[in-house]
N, C-alpha and C. Protein backbone atom coordinates (compact mmCIF):
# COMPACT_ATOMS: atom_id res chain seq x y z
N MET A 1 61.66 15.66 4.39
CA MET A 1 62.63 16.70 4.59
C MET A 1 63.60 16.23 5.67
N GLU A 2 64.83 16.13 5.30
CA GLU A 2 65.85 15.64 6.22
C GLU A 2 66.79 16.76 6.62
N GLU A 3 67.59 16.51 7.63
CA GLU A 3 68.54 17.51 8.11
C GLU A 3 69.48 17.97 6.99
N ARG A 4 69.92 17.03 6.15
CA ARG A 4 70.84 17.42 5.07
C ARG A 4 70.16 18.37 4.10
N ASP A 5 68.85 18.21 3.88
CA ASP A 5 68.12 19.11 3.00
C ASP A 5 68.06 20.52 3.59
N LEU A 6 67.78 20.59 4.88
CA LEU A 6 67.72 21.89 5.54
C LEU A 6 69.08 22.59 5.51
N LYS A 7 70.13 21.84 5.80
CA LYS A 7 71.48 22.42 5.76
C LYS A 7 71.81 22.92 4.34
N TYR A 8 71.43 22.12 3.34
CA TYR A 8 71.70 22.49 1.96
C TYR A 8 71.00 23.79 1.59
N ILE A 9 69.73 23.90 1.95
CA ILE A 9 68.94 25.09 1.63
C ILE A 9 69.47 26.31 2.35
N ILE A 10 69.78 26.16 3.61
CA ILE A 10 70.31 27.29 4.38
C ILE A 10 71.63 27.77 3.77
N THR A 11 72.50 26.86 3.43
CA THR A 11 73.79 27.22 2.82
C THR A 11 73.59 27.85 1.45
N ALA A 12 72.74 27.24 0.63
CA ALA A 12 72.52 27.77 -0.72
C ALA A 12 72.03 29.20 -0.69
N HIS A 13 71.04 29.47 0.16
CA HIS A 13 70.46 30.82 0.19
C HIS A 13 71.29 31.82 1.00
N SER A 14 72.09 31.35 1.95
CA SER A 14 72.89 32.25 2.78
C SER A 14 74.26 32.55 2.19
N GLU A 15 74.86 31.53 1.57
CA GLU A 15 76.24 31.69 1.11
C GLU A 15 76.39 31.69 -0.40
N LEU A 16 75.41 31.17 -1.13
CA LEU A 16 75.54 31.04 -2.58
C LEU A 16 74.49 31.84 -3.35
N ALA A 17 73.88 32.82 -2.70
CA ALA A 17 72.88 33.65 -3.38
C ALA A 17 73.53 34.36 -4.56
N LYS A 18 72.79 34.48 -5.66
CA LYS A 18 73.32 35.13 -6.86
C LYS A 18 73.67 36.59 -6.59
N GLU A 19 72.93 37.22 -5.70
CA GLU A 19 73.19 38.59 -5.29
C GLU A 19 73.07 38.67 -3.77
N PRO A 20 73.89 39.48 -3.11
CA PRO A 20 73.79 39.59 -1.65
C PRO A 20 72.38 39.91 -1.15
N LYS A 21 71.64 40.73 -1.89
CA LYS A 21 70.29 41.09 -1.44
C LYS A 21 69.33 39.90 -1.48
N LYS A 22 69.69 38.84 -2.21
CA LYS A 22 68.85 37.64 -2.28
C LYS A 22 69.03 36.73 -1.06
N ARG A 23 69.90 37.12 -0.14
CA ARG A 23 70.10 36.32 1.08
C ARG A 23 68.99 36.55 2.10
N VAL A 24 68.24 37.63 1.91
CA VAL A 24 67.17 37.98 2.84
C VAL A 24 65.89 38.22 2.07
N ARG A 25 64.76 38.18 2.79
CA ARG A 25 63.46 38.45 2.17
C ARG A 25 63.39 39.92 1.82
N TYR A 26 62.79 40.18 0.68
CA TYR A 26 62.73 41.54 0.13
C TYR A 26 61.98 42.50 1.04
N TRP A 27 60.91 42.05 1.67
CA TRP A 27 60.01 42.94 2.39
C TRP A 27 60.66 43.63 3.57
N ASP A 28 61.58 42.96 4.28
CA ASP A 28 62.19 43.62 5.45
C ASP A 28 63.71 43.67 5.40
N GLN A 29 64.31 43.02 4.42
CA GLN A 29 65.77 42.98 4.28
C GLN A 29 66.47 42.45 5.54
N LYS A 30 65.75 41.65 6.34
CA LYS A 30 66.32 41.07 7.56
C LYS A 30 66.08 39.56 7.65
N THR A 31 64.87 39.14 7.31
CA THR A 31 64.50 37.73 7.44
C THR A 31 65.32 36.91 6.45
N PRO A 32 66.01 35.87 6.91
CA PRO A 32 66.78 35.03 5.98
C PRO A 32 65.86 34.46 4.90
N TYR A 33 66.34 34.46 3.67
CA TYR A 33 65.51 33.99 2.57
C TYR A 33 65.05 32.55 2.76
N TYR A 34 65.92 31.73 3.33
CA TYR A 34 65.60 30.30 3.44
C TYR A 34 64.34 30.02 4.27
N VAL A 35 63.88 31.00 5.04
CA VAL A 35 62.63 30.83 5.79
C VAL A 35 61.47 30.54 4.83
N HIS A 36 61.48 31.18 3.68
CA HIS A 36 60.40 31.02 2.69
C HIS A 36 60.27 29.57 2.20
N PRO A 37 61.31 28.96 1.62
CA PRO A 37 61.12 27.58 1.16
C PRO A 37 60.87 26.58 2.29
N ILE A 38 61.46 26.83 3.45
CA ILE A 38 61.21 25.94 4.58
C ILE A 38 59.75 26.03 5.02
N TRP A 39 59.19 27.24 5.06
CA TRP A 39 57.78 27.42 5.43
C TRP A 39 56.89 26.69 4.42
N CYS A 40 57.16 26.89 3.13
CA CYS A 40 56.35 26.25 2.09
C CYS A 40 56.37 24.73 2.25
N ALA A 41 57.56 24.16 2.38
CA ALA A 41 57.70 22.71 2.49
C ALA A 41 57.07 22.18 3.76
N SER A 42 57.27 22.86 4.87
CA SER A 42 56.71 22.41 6.15
C SER A 42 55.19 22.49 6.16
N THR A 43 54.65 23.53 5.58
CA THR A 43 53.20 23.69 5.55
C THR A 43 52.56 22.60 4.71
N LEU A 44 53.16 22.25 3.59
CA LEU A 44 52.64 21.16 2.77
C LEU A 44 52.67 19.83 3.52
N LEU A 45 53.73 19.59 4.25
CA LEU A 45 53.84 18.32 4.99
C LEU A 45 52.71 18.13 5.99
N GLN A 46 52.09 19.21 6.42
CA GLN A 46 51.01 19.12 7.40
C GLN A 46 49.65 18.79 6.78
N GLU A 47 49.61 18.71 5.46
CA GLU A 47 48.35 18.39 4.76
C GLU A 47 48.20 16.88 4.68
N THR A 48 47.78 16.27 5.77
CA THR A 48 47.74 14.81 5.84
C THR A 48 46.64 14.18 4.99
N SER A 49 45.74 14.97 4.44
CA SER A 49 44.72 14.40 3.57
C SER A 49 45.24 14.20 2.13
N LEU A 50 46.39 14.77 1.84
CA LEU A 50 46.98 14.59 0.50
C LEU A 50 47.63 13.22 0.38
N PRO A 51 47.71 12.70 -0.84
CA PRO A 51 48.45 11.44 -1.04
C PRO A 51 49.90 11.60 -0.57
N GLU A 52 50.42 10.54 0.01
CA GLU A 52 51.77 10.59 0.60
C GLU A 52 52.84 11.02 -0.40
N ASP A 53 52.76 10.56 -1.65
CA ASP A 53 53.78 10.93 -2.63
C ASP A 53 53.71 12.43 -2.96
N VAL A 54 52.52 12.99 -2.97
CA VAL A 54 52.36 14.43 -3.22
C VAL A 54 52.98 15.20 -2.05
N ARG A 55 52.70 14.75 -0.84
CA ARG A 55 53.25 15.44 0.34
C ARG A 55 54.78 15.38 0.36
N LEU A 56 55.34 14.20 0.17
CA LEU A 56 56.78 14.04 0.31
C LEU A 56 57.55 14.65 -0.85
N ASP A 57 57.18 14.29 -2.08
CA ASP A 57 57.87 14.86 -3.23
C ASP A 57 57.58 16.36 -3.35
N GLY A 58 56.34 16.74 -3.06
CA GLY A 58 55.99 18.16 -3.12
C GLY A 58 56.74 19.00 -2.12
N SER A 59 56.90 18.48 -0.90
CA SER A 59 57.63 19.26 0.10
C SER A 59 59.09 19.42 -0.29
N ASN A 60 59.69 18.37 -0.86
CA ASN A 60 61.07 18.51 -1.33
C ASN A 60 61.17 19.49 -2.49
N ALA A 61 60.21 19.44 -3.39
CA ALA A 61 60.22 20.40 -4.51
C ALA A 61 60.09 21.83 -3.99
N LEU A 62 59.20 22.05 -3.03
CA LEU A 62 59.05 23.40 -2.47
C LEU A 62 60.30 23.84 -1.71
N LEU A 63 60.94 22.91 -1.04
CA LEU A 63 62.15 23.24 -0.31
C LEU A 63 63.25 23.74 -1.26
N TYR A 64 63.33 23.14 -2.43
CA TYR A 64 64.39 23.47 -3.38
C TYR A 64 63.93 24.38 -4.53
N HIS A 65 62.68 24.84 -4.50
CA HIS A 65 62.11 25.50 -5.68
C HIS A 65 62.80 26.80 -6.09
N ASP A 66 63.48 27.48 -5.20
CA ASP A 66 64.15 28.74 -5.56
C ASP A 66 65.66 28.61 -5.71
N VAL A 67 66.19 27.42 -5.54
CA VAL A 67 67.64 27.24 -5.63
C VAL A 67 68.17 27.65 -7.00
N LEU A 68 67.54 27.16 -8.07
CA LEU A 68 68.04 27.45 -9.41
C LEU A 68 67.79 28.91 -9.82
N GLU A 69 66.71 29.50 -9.33
CA GLU A 69 66.40 30.90 -9.66
C GLU A 69 67.31 31.88 -8.93
N ASP A 70 67.56 31.63 -7.65
CA ASP A 70 68.15 32.65 -6.79
C ASP A 70 69.54 32.38 -6.27
N THR A 71 70.08 31.20 -6.52
CA THR A 71 71.41 30.87 -5.99
C THR A 71 72.30 30.33 -7.10
N ASN A 72 73.57 30.20 -6.78
CA ASN A 72 74.52 29.57 -7.71
C ASN A 72 74.71 28.09 -7.39
N ALA A 73 73.91 27.57 -6.49
CA ALA A 73 73.98 26.15 -6.13
C ALA A 73 73.30 25.31 -7.21
N LYS A 74 73.70 24.09 -7.28
CA LYS A 74 73.05 23.09 -8.13
C LYS A 74 72.10 22.28 -7.25
N LEU A 75 71.19 21.58 -7.88
CA LEU A 75 70.35 20.67 -7.10
C LEU A 75 71.19 19.49 -6.64
N PRO A 76 70.99 19.01 -5.43
CA PRO A 76 71.81 17.90 -4.93
C PRO A 76 71.49 16.59 -5.64
N TYR A 77 72.47 15.74 -5.70
CA TYR A 77 72.36 14.46 -6.41
C TYR A 77 71.29 13.55 -5.82
N TRP A 78 70.98 13.72 -4.55
CA TRP A 78 70.08 12.77 -3.89
C TRP A 78 68.59 13.01 -4.18
N LEU A 79 68.27 14.09 -4.85
CA LEU A 79 66.85 14.32 -5.17
C LEU A 79 66.41 13.37 -6.28
N SER A 80 65.21 12.87 -6.17
CA SER A 80 64.68 11.95 -7.18
C SER A 80 64.39 12.70 -8.48
N ASP A 81 64.27 11.95 -9.56
CA ASP A 81 63.93 12.56 -10.85
C ASP A 81 62.57 13.24 -10.79
N ASN A 82 61.63 12.65 -10.05
CA ASN A 82 60.31 13.26 -9.92
C ASN A 82 60.40 14.63 -9.24
N VAL A 83 61.16 14.71 -8.15
CA VAL A 83 61.32 15.99 -7.44
C VAL A 83 62.01 17.00 -8.35
N LYS A 84 63.04 16.59 -9.06
CA LYS A 84 63.73 17.50 -9.98
C LYS A 84 62.78 17.99 -11.07
N GLY A 85 61.90 17.12 -11.54
CA GLY A 85 60.91 17.51 -12.55
C GLY A 85 59.93 18.54 -12.00
N LEU A 86 59.49 18.35 -10.76
CA LEU A 86 58.60 19.32 -10.12
C LEU A 86 59.30 20.67 -9.97
N ILE A 87 60.56 20.63 -9.54
CA ILE A 87 61.33 21.87 -9.37
C ILE A 87 61.45 22.60 -10.70
N SER A 88 61.72 21.88 -11.77
CA SER A 88 61.89 22.54 -13.07
C SER A 88 60.60 23.24 -13.50
N LYS A 89 59.45 22.67 -13.13
CA LYS A 89 58.18 23.29 -13.48
C LYS A 89 57.81 24.43 -12.54
N LEU A 90 58.55 24.59 -11.45
CA LEU A 90 58.34 25.70 -10.51
C LEU A 90 59.41 26.77 -10.66
N THR A 91 60.28 26.63 -11.65
CA THR A 91 61.38 27.57 -11.86
C THR A 91 61.05 28.47 -13.05
N PHE A 92 61.07 29.77 -12.80
CA PHE A 92 60.66 30.74 -13.81
C PHE A 92 61.63 31.91 -13.86
N LYS A 93 61.60 32.62 -14.98
CA LYS A 93 62.43 33.82 -15.12
C LYS A 93 61.80 35.01 -14.43
N SER A 94 60.48 35.01 -14.32
CA SER A 94 59.77 36.14 -13.71
C SER A 94 58.43 35.67 -13.16
N SER A 95 57.85 36.48 -12.29
CA SER A 95 56.53 36.12 -11.76
C SER A 95 55.47 36.19 -12.85
N GLU A 96 55.66 37.08 -13.82
CA GLU A 96 54.72 37.17 -14.94
C GLU A 96 54.71 35.87 -15.73
N GLU A 97 55.90 35.33 -16.00
CA GLU A 97 56.00 34.05 -16.71
C GLU A 97 55.34 32.94 -15.90
N ALA A 98 55.57 32.95 -14.60
CA ALA A 98 55.00 31.91 -13.74
C ALA A 98 53.48 31.90 -13.83
N TRP A 99 52.88 33.06 -13.69
CA TRP A 99 51.42 33.12 -13.69
C TRP A 99 50.84 32.83 -15.07
N LYS A 100 51.58 33.17 -16.11
CA LYS A 100 51.09 32.92 -17.47
C LYS A 100 51.08 31.42 -17.78
N THR A 101 52.11 30.71 -17.37
CA THR A 101 52.24 29.29 -17.71
C THR A 101 51.63 28.35 -16.67
N MET A 102 51.38 28.85 -15.48
CA MET A 102 50.90 28.02 -14.37
C MET A 102 49.64 27.24 -14.71
N TRP A 103 48.75 27.85 -15.44
CA TRP A 103 47.43 27.25 -15.68
C TRP A 103 47.49 26.10 -16.67
N LYS A 104 48.63 25.95 -17.36
CA LYS A 104 48.79 24.85 -18.31
C LYS A 104 49.45 23.63 -17.65
N GLU A 105 49.91 23.81 -16.42
CA GLU A 105 50.64 22.75 -15.73
C GLU A 105 49.69 21.76 -15.05
N ASP A 106 50.26 20.66 -14.63
CA ASP A 106 49.54 19.63 -13.90
C ASP A 106 49.00 20.19 -12.59
N LYS A 107 47.95 19.60 -12.08
CA LYS A 107 47.31 20.08 -10.85
C LYS A 107 48.27 20.08 -9.66
N VAL A 108 49.25 19.18 -9.64
CA VAL A 108 50.22 19.15 -8.53
C VAL A 108 51.07 20.42 -8.54
N ILE A 109 51.45 20.87 -9.71
CA ILE A 109 52.26 22.10 -9.81
C ILE A 109 51.44 23.29 -9.31
N ARG A 110 50.18 23.34 -9.68
CA ARG A 110 49.33 24.45 -9.21
C ARG A 110 49.15 24.38 -7.70
N LEU A 111 49.04 23.18 -7.16
CA LEU A 111 48.97 23.01 -5.71
C LEU A 111 50.23 23.59 -5.05
N LEU A 112 51.39 23.20 -5.56
CA LEU A 112 52.65 23.66 -4.98
C LEU A 112 52.80 25.17 -5.13
N LYS A 113 52.37 25.70 -6.25
CA LYS A 113 52.46 27.14 -6.48
C LYS A 113 51.62 27.91 -5.46
N LEU A 114 50.53 27.33 -4.99
CA LEU A 114 49.70 28.00 -3.99
C LEU A 114 50.49 28.23 -2.70
N TYR A 115 51.28 27.26 -2.27
CA TYR A 115 52.10 27.44 -1.06
C TYR A 115 53.10 28.58 -1.26
N ASP A 116 53.75 28.59 -2.39
CA ASP A 116 54.72 29.64 -2.71
C ASP A 116 54.04 31.01 -2.74
N ALA A 117 52.90 31.08 -3.41
CA ALA A 117 52.20 32.36 -3.56
C ALA A 117 51.67 32.88 -2.23
N VAL A 118 51.16 32.00 -1.39
CA VAL A 118 50.65 32.42 -0.08
C VAL A 118 51.80 32.94 0.79
N SER A 119 52.92 32.25 0.78
CA SER A 119 54.06 32.72 1.55
C SER A 119 54.49 34.11 1.06
N ASN A 120 54.51 34.30 -0.25
CA ASN A 120 54.88 35.61 -0.79
C ASN A 120 53.85 36.67 -0.44
N LEU A 121 52.58 36.30 -0.38
CA LEU A 121 51.55 37.26 -0.01
C LEU A 121 51.74 37.72 1.44
N MET A 122 52.18 36.83 2.31
CA MET A 122 52.40 37.21 3.70
C MET A 122 53.51 38.26 3.83
N ASP A 123 54.38 38.33 2.84
CA ASP A 123 55.48 39.31 2.83
C ASP A 123 55.23 40.43 1.83
N SER A 124 54.00 40.64 1.42
CA SER A 124 53.72 41.49 0.24
C SER A 124 53.65 42.99 0.51
N VAL A 125 54.08 43.44 1.67
CA VAL A 125 54.00 44.88 1.95
C VAL A 125 54.82 45.70 0.95
N TRP A 126 55.78 45.08 0.32
CA TRP A 126 56.62 45.79 -0.66
C TRP A 126 55.95 45.93 -2.02
N MET A 127 54.92 45.13 -2.28
CA MET A 127 54.29 45.14 -3.61
C MET A 127 53.48 46.42 -3.82
N LYS A 128 53.57 46.93 -5.03
CA LYS A 128 52.72 48.06 -5.40
C LYS A 128 51.29 47.55 -5.49
N PRO A 129 50.31 48.42 -5.26
CA PRO A 129 48.90 47.98 -5.22
C PRO A 129 48.46 47.16 -6.43
N LYS A 130 48.86 47.56 -7.62
CA LYS A 130 48.45 46.84 -8.83
C LYS A 130 49.02 45.42 -8.84
N LYS A 131 50.29 45.29 -8.49
CA LYS A 131 50.93 43.97 -8.46
C LYS A 131 50.31 43.10 -7.36
N ARG A 132 50.06 43.69 -6.21
CA ARG A 132 49.45 42.94 -5.10
C ARG A 132 48.06 42.45 -5.48
N LYS A 133 47.28 43.29 -6.13
CA LYS A 133 45.93 42.92 -6.58
C LYS A 133 46.00 41.74 -7.54
N LYS A 134 46.92 41.80 -8.48
CA LYS A 134 47.10 40.72 -9.46
C LYS A 134 47.51 39.42 -8.74
N HIS A 135 48.39 39.54 -7.78
CA HIS A 135 48.85 38.39 -7.00
C HIS A 135 47.67 37.77 -6.24
N ILE A 136 46.86 38.60 -5.62
CA ILE A 136 45.69 38.11 -4.89
C ILE A 136 44.69 37.45 -5.84
N ASP A 137 44.47 38.07 -7.00
CA ASP A 137 43.55 37.48 -7.99
C ASP A 137 44.02 36.08 -8.39
N ASN A 138 45.33 35.94 -8.60
CA ASN A 138 45.88 34.63 -8.98
C ASN A 138 45.76 33.62 -7.85
N ILE A 139 45.96 34.07 -6.63
CA ILE A 139 45.80 33.18 -5.48
C ILE A 139 44.35 32.71 -5.37
N GLU A 140 43.42 33.61 -5.57
CA GLU A 140 42.00 33.23 -5.51
C GLU A 140 41.67 32.18 -6.57
N LYS A 141 42.23 32.35 -7.78
CA LYS A 141 42.03 31.34 -8.84
C LYS A 141 42.66 30.01 -8.43
N LEU A 142 43.87 30.08 -7.88
CA LEU A 142 44.55 28.85 -7.45
C LEU A 142 43.76 28.15 -6.35
N CYS A 143 43.20 28.92 -5.43
CA CYS A 143 42.40 28.33 -4.34
C CYS A 143 41.24 27.53 -4.90
N LYS A 144 40.53 28.11 -5.86
CA LYS A 144 39.39 27.40 -6.47
C LYS A 144 39.86 26.13 -7.15
N ASP A 145 40.96 26.23 -7.87
CA ASP A 145 41.51 25.08 -8.58
C ASP A 145 41.95 23.99 -7.60
N VAL A 146 42.71 24.38 -6.59
CA VAL A 146 43.22 23.42 -5.61
C VAL A 146 42.06 22.78 -4.84
N GLU A 147 41.09 23.58 -4.46
CA GLU A 147 39.96 23.06 -3.72
C GLU A 147 39.16 22.06 -4.56
N SER A 148 39.02 22.34 -5.85
CA SER A 148 38.28 21.40 -6.71
C SER A 148 39.04 20.10 -6.93
N ASN A 149 40.37 20.15 -6.86
CA ASN A 149 41.19 18.95 -7.07
C ASN A 149 41.52 18.20 -5.79
N TYR A 150 41.64 18.92 -4.66
CA TYR A 150 42.13 18.29 -3.43
C TYR A 150 41.24 18.49 -2.21
N GLY A 151 40.18 19.27 -2.34
CA GLY A 151 39.35 19.56 -1.18
C GLY A 151 39.87 20.79 -0.44
N GLU A 152 39.24 21.09 0.68
CA GLU A 152 39.64 22.28 1.43
C GLU A 152 40.84 21.97 2.32
N LEU A 153 42.00 22.31 1.83
CA LEU A 153 43.25 22.09 2.55
C LEU A 153 43.53 23.28 3.47
N ASN A 154 44.45 23.08 4.38
CA ASN A 154 44.86 24.18 5.27
C ASN A 154 45.38 25.38 4.49
N ILE A 155 46.12 25.13 3.41
CA ILE A 155 46.66 26.25 2.64
C ILE A 155 45.56 27.08 2.01
N VAL A 156 44.46 26.44 1.64
CA VAL A 156 43.31 27.18 1.09
C VAL A 156 42.71 28.06 2.19
N LYS A 157 42.56 27.51 3.40
CA LYS A 157 42.04 28.28 4.52
C LYS A 157 42.94 29.46 4.85
N ILE A 158 44.24 29.23 4.84
CA ILE A 158 45.20 30.31 5.11
C ILE A 158 45.07 31.39 4.04
N ALA A 159 45.04 30.96 2.77
CA ALA A 159 44.94 31.92 1.66
C ALA A 159 43.67 32.74 1.77
N LYS A 160 42.56 32.10 2.03
CA LYS A 160 41.28 32.82 2.14
C LYS A 160 41.31 33.81 3.30
N GLY A 161 42.02 33.48 4.35
CA GLY A 161 42.15 34.38 5.49
C GLY A 161 43.00 35.60 5.18
N LEU A 162 43.89 35.47 4.21
CA LEU A 162 44.79 36.57 3.86
C LEU A 162 44.22 37.48 2.78
N VAL A 163 43.41 36.90 1.90
CA VAL A 163 42.89 37.72 0.80
C VAL A 163 41.59 38.36 1.23
């Protein structure tokens, strides 16, 4: 994650959001939206037991994962084809679609989705009880999957502490 990436994400979510309400997190309508992808990417970078390519490409994919869904920005030219491929597999029309197709994806995509889902759970006060329960159930499934593929990562510990 480089300075140009951070500047790009901040600009995309602050100035190029598809709707003004998408500039901030839904739960409080104050927190800048870009905090979410930066948290996801930064948290993944701290998982030093992961293979270096998973950490680096995964953090870039998480940093840019909502650009195509929520902004009018394009992905920058400097992203590798691998990162763009990861982003495309993390881009969905709805959360229902994401959870339905997630289990058919490669283990790396499920790993990355856990960071996104945990961040969203931390902001989940806006979710209705049924939706929150479903979200937690999916996170618990992802935790088991991620733990079986990568061991007990920090994100698994964080998720277990929240659910």
